[in-house]
Amino acid sequence: MTTTLTPQDGCTVVTGGASGIGLVTARLLLADGARKVALMDLNEPAHDVLEELRRRYGPERVQVLTCNVSQRDEVHAAVAAVGKDVPVSGVVSCAGTVMAKPSLDLTLDDLHKLFDVHLAGSLFTAQAAAIAWIASDTAGAIVNTSSVAANFGWPGRLPYPVAKAGIEALTRTLAVEWARWGIRVNAVSPGSVDSPLMADGKRPPGIKPLSEVADRHALGRVAQPQEVAEAITFLLSAKSSFITGAVLAVDGGFTITKDSAKELAQ
């Protein structure tokens, strides 16, 4: 009989774990008693952040994996290395980037920059965990990160909504394909989030500041990373044991608010 793993049983791998939603999710998992969390990113978290996590939760519970998620061999090797000491119990794919560029000017390199990280990265990380689970007759949960952008036309941002729509299709397909092994695959779909990526000075050209999009959400504000992380940890937990193939909107009512998408895209 397949053994279902929860965050308390093993290590949760979080891509994009050096900052933003990924880092906040890792911190929440540790606070909730996860056995171990592996932060996978191109760069390590800031030194003071990493030291704070290890001091508060114990160095044995916090691992850093420097890895390019768009490279299949790197991802598989990193996840396999984690599993040698503690079984991988779950995967959270938060790695991502954005781009503002007219569709008429897009190149193949532009598409690769987003598709490789968002789509290939989500697939390769899920693959690596699923291979380990199937081999050991265990099962865990996978949570991908989509966006409300998958559901509307966003002029000048084509690669991003296309990549996010692809993540939703990937999530549903893997949920069906891997269900026979007890593996659950879901996604969260945030609206605007107050994350480092959207901070003044770091926000990509052409992307509106959060202060201008807050009222496009029914709740009248943007999300805090913690609020998205709470949804992610729910989907990793036994509390969501009969949920798979779902895309959970964590958008403050953005998708149900009239003209939100149109105004955001202007």
Protein backbone atom coordinates (compact mmCIF):
# COMPACT_ATOMS: atom_id res chain seq x y z
CA MET A 1 0.00 0.00 0.00
CA THR A 2 1.31 3.46 -0.92
CA THR A 3 2.42 5.61 2.02
CA THR A 4 1.32 9.23 1.73
CA LEU A 5 3.91 11.73 2.95
CA THR A 6 3.16 15.09 4.55
CA PRO A 7 5.58 17.97 5.25
CA GLN A 8 6.07 16.59 8.76
CA ASP A 9 7.36 13.30 7.30
CA GLY A 10 10.11 14.56 5.03
CA CYS A 11 11.62 17.42 3.07
CA THR A 12 9.63 19.91 1.02
CA VAL A 13 11.55 21.28 -1.95
CA VAL A 14 10.69 24.92 -2.70
CA THR A 15 11.93 26.43 -5.96
CA GLY A 16 12.32 30.19 -6.02
CA GLY A 17 13.00 29.71 -2.33
CA ALA A 18 15.51 32.52 -1.95
CA SER A 19 12.90 35.27 -1.80
CA GLY A 20 9.25 36.25 -2.18
CA ILE A 21 6.45 33.70 -1.96
CA GLY A 22 8.92 30.81 -2.02
CA LEU A 23 10.88 32.01 0.99
CA VAL A 24 7.73 32.89 2.94
CA THR A 25 6.30 29.44 2.16
CA ALA A 26 9.48 27.79 3.43
CA ARG A 27 9.33 29.82 6.64
CA LEU A 28 5.66 28.90 7.17
CA LEU A 29 6.35 25.21 6.57
CA LEU A 30 9.12 25.24 9.16
CA ALA A 31 6.92 27.07 11.67
CA ASP A 32 4.19 24.46 11.12
CA GLY A 33 6.58 21.61 11.94
CA ALA A 34 7.89 20.47 8.57
CA ARG A 35 10.71 18.01 9.08
CA LYS A 36 12.94 19.78 6.58
CA VAL A 37 12.76 22.39 3.80
CA ALA A 38 15.13 22.68 0.84
CA LEU A 39 15.33 26.13 -0.75
CA MET A 40 16.13 25.71 -4.45
CA ASP A 41 17.14 28.80 -6.42
CA LEU A 42 19.78 30.22 -8.74
CA ASN A 43 21.19 32.14 -5.78
CA GLU A 44 21.30 31.49 -2.06
CA PRO A 45 18.99 33.49 0.21
CA ALA A 46 20.49 36.57 1.80
CA HIS A 47 23.00 35.53 4.47
CA ASP A 48 21.06 37.09 7.34
CA VAL A 49 17.82 35.42 6.21
CA LEU A 50 19.46 32.01 5.98
CA GLU A 51 21.13 32.40 9.36
CA GLU A 52 17.84 33.46 10.93
CA LEU A 53 16.07 30.37 9.57
CA ARG A 54 18.81 28.02 10.76
CA ARG A 55 19.03 29.67 14.17
CA ARG A 56 15.27 29.57 14.72
CA TYR A 57 14.47 26.14 13.29
CA GLY A 58 17.79 24.28 13.40
CA PRO A 59 20.44 23.90 10.68
CA GLU A 60 19.42 20.30 10.06
CA ARG A 61 15.96 21.46 8.94
CA VAL A 62 17.10 24.05 6.38
CA GLN A 63 18.94 23.10 3.20
CA VAL A 64 19.98 25.30 0.28
CA LEU A 65 20.14 23.95 -3.28
CA THR A 66 21.80 26.23 -5.83
CA CYS A 67 20.25 25.06 -9.06
CA ASN A 68 18.94 26.24 -12.42
CA VAL A 69 15.40 24.86 -12.52
CA SER A 70 15.34 24.98 -16.32
CA GLN A 71 18.08 22.32 -16.48
CA ARG A 72 16.57 18.86 -16.06
CA ASP A 73 19.75 17.08 -14.98
CA GLU A 74 20.55 19.73 -12.36
CA VAL A 75 17.07 19.54 -10.88
CA HIS A 76 16.94 15.75 -10.80
CA ALA A 77 20.39 15.55 -9.19
CA ALA A 78 19.47 18.14 -6.55
CA VAL A 79 16.22 16.43 -5.60
CA ALA A 80 17.91 13.02 -5.52
CA ALA A 81 20.57 14.42 -3.18
CA VAL A 82 17.89 15.67 -0.80
CA GLY A 83 16.22 12.27 -0.77
CA LYS A 84 19.34 10.43 0.38
CA ASP A 85 18.94 11.66 3.95
CA VAL A 86 15.26 12.58 4.26
CA PRO A 87 12.48 11.51 1.89
CA VAL A 88 11.08 14.25 -0.30
CA SER A 89 7.50 14.81 0.88
CA GLY A 90 6.42 17.66 -1.36
CA VAL A 91 7.36 20.15 -4.04
CA VAL A 92 6.46 23.82 -4.38
CA SER A 93 7.36 25.54 -7.66
CA CYS A 94 7.62 29.30 -7.13
CA ALA A 95 10.54 30.10 -9.44
CA GLY A 96 9.57 32.67 -12.04
CA THR A 97 10.25 35.94 -13.77
CA VAL A 98 8.33 38.55 -15.76
CA MET A 99 8.89 40.51 -18.96
CA ALA A 100 7.32 43.55 -20.62
CA LYS A 101 7.80 43.63 -24.40
CA PRO A 102 5.49 44.13 -27.40
CA SER A 103 4.49 40.83 -29.00
CA LEU A 104 5.75 42.01 -32.40
CA ASP A 105 9.26 42.27 -30.98
CA LEU A 106 9.45 38.95 -29.14
CA THR A 107 12.26 36.55 -30.02
CA LEU A 108 12.78 32.87 -29.35
CA ASP A 109 15.24 33.80 -26.61
CA ASP A 110 12.54 35.91 -24.94
CA LEU A 111 10.16 32.97 -24.93
CA HIS A 112 12.82 30.65 -23.54
CA LYS A 113 13.58 33.04 -20.68
CA LEU A 114 10.07 32.64 -19.31
CA PHE A 115 8.97 29.24 -20.56
CA ASP A 116 12.14 27.50 -19.40
CA VAL A 117 11.80 28.78 -15.84
CA HIS A 118 8.02 28.64 -15.41
CA LEU A 119 7.06 25.60 -17.46
CA ALA A 120 10.18 23.46 -17.75
CA GLY A 121 11.15 24.26 -14.17
CA SER A 122 7.77 23.20 -12.80
CA LEU A 123 7.81 20.00 -14.86
CA PHE A 124 11.37 18.98 -14.03
CA THR A 125 10.94 19.51 -10.29
CA ALA A 126 7.68 17.57 -10.26
CA GLN A 127 9.28 14.80 -12.34
CA ALA A 128 12.19 14.40 -9.95
CA ALA A 129 9.92 14.04 -6.94
CA ALA A 130 7.47 11.72 -8.71
CA ILE A 131 10.25 9.38 -9.83
CA ALA A 132 11.43 9.04 -6.22
CA TRP A 133 7.92 8.48 -4.90
CA ILE A 134 7.02 5.83 -7.44
CA ALA A 135 10.27 3.95 -6.81
CA SER A 136 9.68 3.91 -3.04
CA ASP A 137 5.91 3.27 -3.13
CA THR A 138 5.26 6.60 -1.45
CA ALA A 139 3.34 9.67 -2.57
CA GLY A 140 3.52 13.37 -1.88
CA ALA A 141 1.97 16.61 -3.03
CA ILE A 142 3.05 19.08 -5.70
CA VAL A 143 1.96 22.73 -5.77
CA ASN A 144 2.67 24.90 -8.80
CA THR A 145 2.29 28.66 -9.06
CA SER A 146 0.03 30.08 -11.75
CA SER A 147 -1.41 33.62 -11.90
CA VAL A 148 -4.64 35.43 -12.70
CA ALA A 149 -2.74 36.51 -15.83
CA ALA A 150 -3.46 33.06 -17.28
CA ASN A 151 -7.12 34.06 -17.62
CA PHE A 152 -7.02 37.34 -19.55
CA GLY A 153 -5.24 39.06 -22.42
CA TRP A 154 -2.30 41.11 -21.16
CA PRO A 155 -0.91 43.33 -23.94
CA GLY A 156 2.85 43.64 -23.96
CA ARG A 157 3.35 40.69 -21.58
CA LEU A 158 2.57 37.69 -23.80
CA PRO A 159 5.17 35.16 -22.53
CA TYR A 160 4.05 35.47 -18.91
CA PRO A 161 0.31 34.69 -19.25
CA VAL A 162 1.09 31.98 -21.80
CA ALA A 163 3.55 30.36 -19.39
CA LYS A 164 1.04 30.57 -16.54
CA ALA A 165 -1.73 29.08 -18.68
CA GLY A 166 0.69 26.29 -19.50
CA ILE A 167 1.31 25.68 -15.82
CA GLU A 168 -2.41 25.22 -15.25
CA ALA A 169 -2.58 22.69 -18.11
CA LEU A 170 0.53 20.96 -16.79
CA THR A 171 -1.01 20.79 -13.30
CA ARG A 172 -4.23 19.19 -14.50
CA THR A 173 -2.47 16.76 -16.82
CA LEU A 174 -0.01 15.54 -14.19
CA ALA A 175 -2.82 15.27 -11.64
CA VAL A 176 -4.64 12.82 -13.91
CA GLU A 177 -1.55 10.98 -15.13
CA TRP A 178 -0.03 10.46 -11.67
CA ALA A 179 -3.21 9.90 -9.65
CA ARG A 180 -2.80 6.12 -9.85
CA TRP A 181 0.29 6.47 -7.67
CA GLY A 182 -1.50 8.67 -5.14
CA ILE A 183 0.44 11.79 -6.16
CA ARG A 184 -1.56 15.00 -5.87
CA VAL A 185 -0.83 17.99 -8.13
CA ASN A 186 -2.45 21.39 -7.62
CA ALA A 187 -1.70 25.05 -8.28
CA VAL A 188 -2.36 28.41 -6.71
CA SER A 189 -3.33 31.41 -8.83
CA PRO A 190 -2.47 34.68 -7.08
CA GLY A 191 -3.52 38.15 -8.08
CA SER A 192 -1.09 41.00 -7.41
CA VAL A 193 1.30 40.23 -4.55
CA ASP A 194 3.45 42.58 -2.49
CA SER A 195 6.68 40.73 -3.26
CA PRO A 196 10.30 41.84 -3.85
CA LEU A 197 9.79 41.34 -7.59
CA MET A 198 7.24 44.18 -7.58
CA ALA A 199 9.17 46.58 -5.35
CA ASP A 200 10.06 50.04 -6.64
CA GLY A 201 13.41 49.89 -8.37
CA LYS A 202 13.06 46.18 -9.15
CA ARG A 203 9.74 46.21 -10.98
CA PRO A 204 10.19 45.51 -14.73
CA PRO A 205 9.49 48.46 -17.07
CA GLY A 206 5.85 48.72 -18.08
CA ILE A 207 4.52 46.90 -15.00
CA LYS A 208 2.17 49.06 -12.92
CA PRO A 209 3.07 49.76 -9.27
CA LEU A 210 0.99 47.89 -6.71
CA SER A 211 -0.59 51.11 -5.48
CA GLU A 212 -2.29 51.49 -8.86
CA VAL A 213 -3.75 47.98 -9.03
CA ALA A 214 -4.92 47.42 -5.45
CA ASP A 215 -8.48 48.57 -6.14
CA ARG A 216 -8.79 46.16 -9.07
CA HIS A 217 -9.20 43.42 -6.46
CA ALA A 218 -12.61 43.03 -4.83
CA LEU A 219 -11.00 43.23 -1.38
CA GLY A 220 -9.40 46.54 -2.34
CA ARG A 221 -5.79 45.54 -1.73
CA VAL A 222 -3.02 43.28 -3.00
CA ALA A 223 -1.98 40.05 -1.30
CA GLN A 224 0.84 39.62 1.15
CA PRO A 225 3.16 36.68 0.38
CA GLN A 226 2.06 35.02 3.63
CA GLU A 227 -1.51 34.78 2.35
CA VAL A 228 -0.42 32.89 -0.76
CA ALA A 229 1.90 30.72 1.33
CA GLU A 230 -1.02 29.72 3.57
CA ALA A 231 -2.88 28.39 0.52
CA ILE A 232 0.22 26.51 -0.64
CA THR A 233 0.78 24.83 2.72
CA PHE A 234 -2.88 23.82 2.81
CA LEU A 235 -2.51 22.07 -0.55
CA LEU A 236 0.59 20.26 0.73
CA SER A 237 -1.15 19.06 3.88
CA ALA A 238 -3.37 16.11 4.70
CA LYS A 239 -6.26 18.59 5.01
CA SER A 240 -6.41 18.67 1.19
CA SER A 241 -6.07 14.90 0.74
CA PHE A 242 -8.99 14.69 -1.74
CA ILE A 243 -7.97 17.71 -3.81
CA THR A 244 -5.98 17.23 -7.00
CA GLY A 245 -5.92 18.98 -10.36
CA ALA A 246 -7.27 22.16 -8.78
CA VAL A 247 -6.17 25.72 -9.48
CA LEU A 248 -6.95 27.66 -6.32
CA ALA A 249 -7.53 31.38 -6.85
CA VAL A 250 -5.80 33.44 -4.16
CA ASP A 251 -6.61 36.74 -5.80
CA GLY A 252 -8.74 38.82 -3.45
CA GLY A 253 -11.61 38.60 -5.92
CA PHE A 254 -9.62 39.94 -8.89
CA THR A 255 -11.08 37.49 -11.40
CA ILE A 256 -14.67 38.26 -10.38
CA THR A 257 -14.28 42.04 -10.44
CA LYS A 258 -15.62 43.76 -13.57
CA ASP A 259 -12.99 45.20 -15.89
CA SER A 260 -10.08 44.28 -13.58
CA ALA A 261 -8.09 42.65 -16.34
CA LYS A 262 -8.79 45.42 -18.83
CA GLU A 263 -7.67 48.16 -16.46
CA LEU A 264 -4.59 46.26 -15.29
CA ALA A 265 -3.49 45.79 -18.88
CA GLN A 266 -3.69 49.48 -19.77
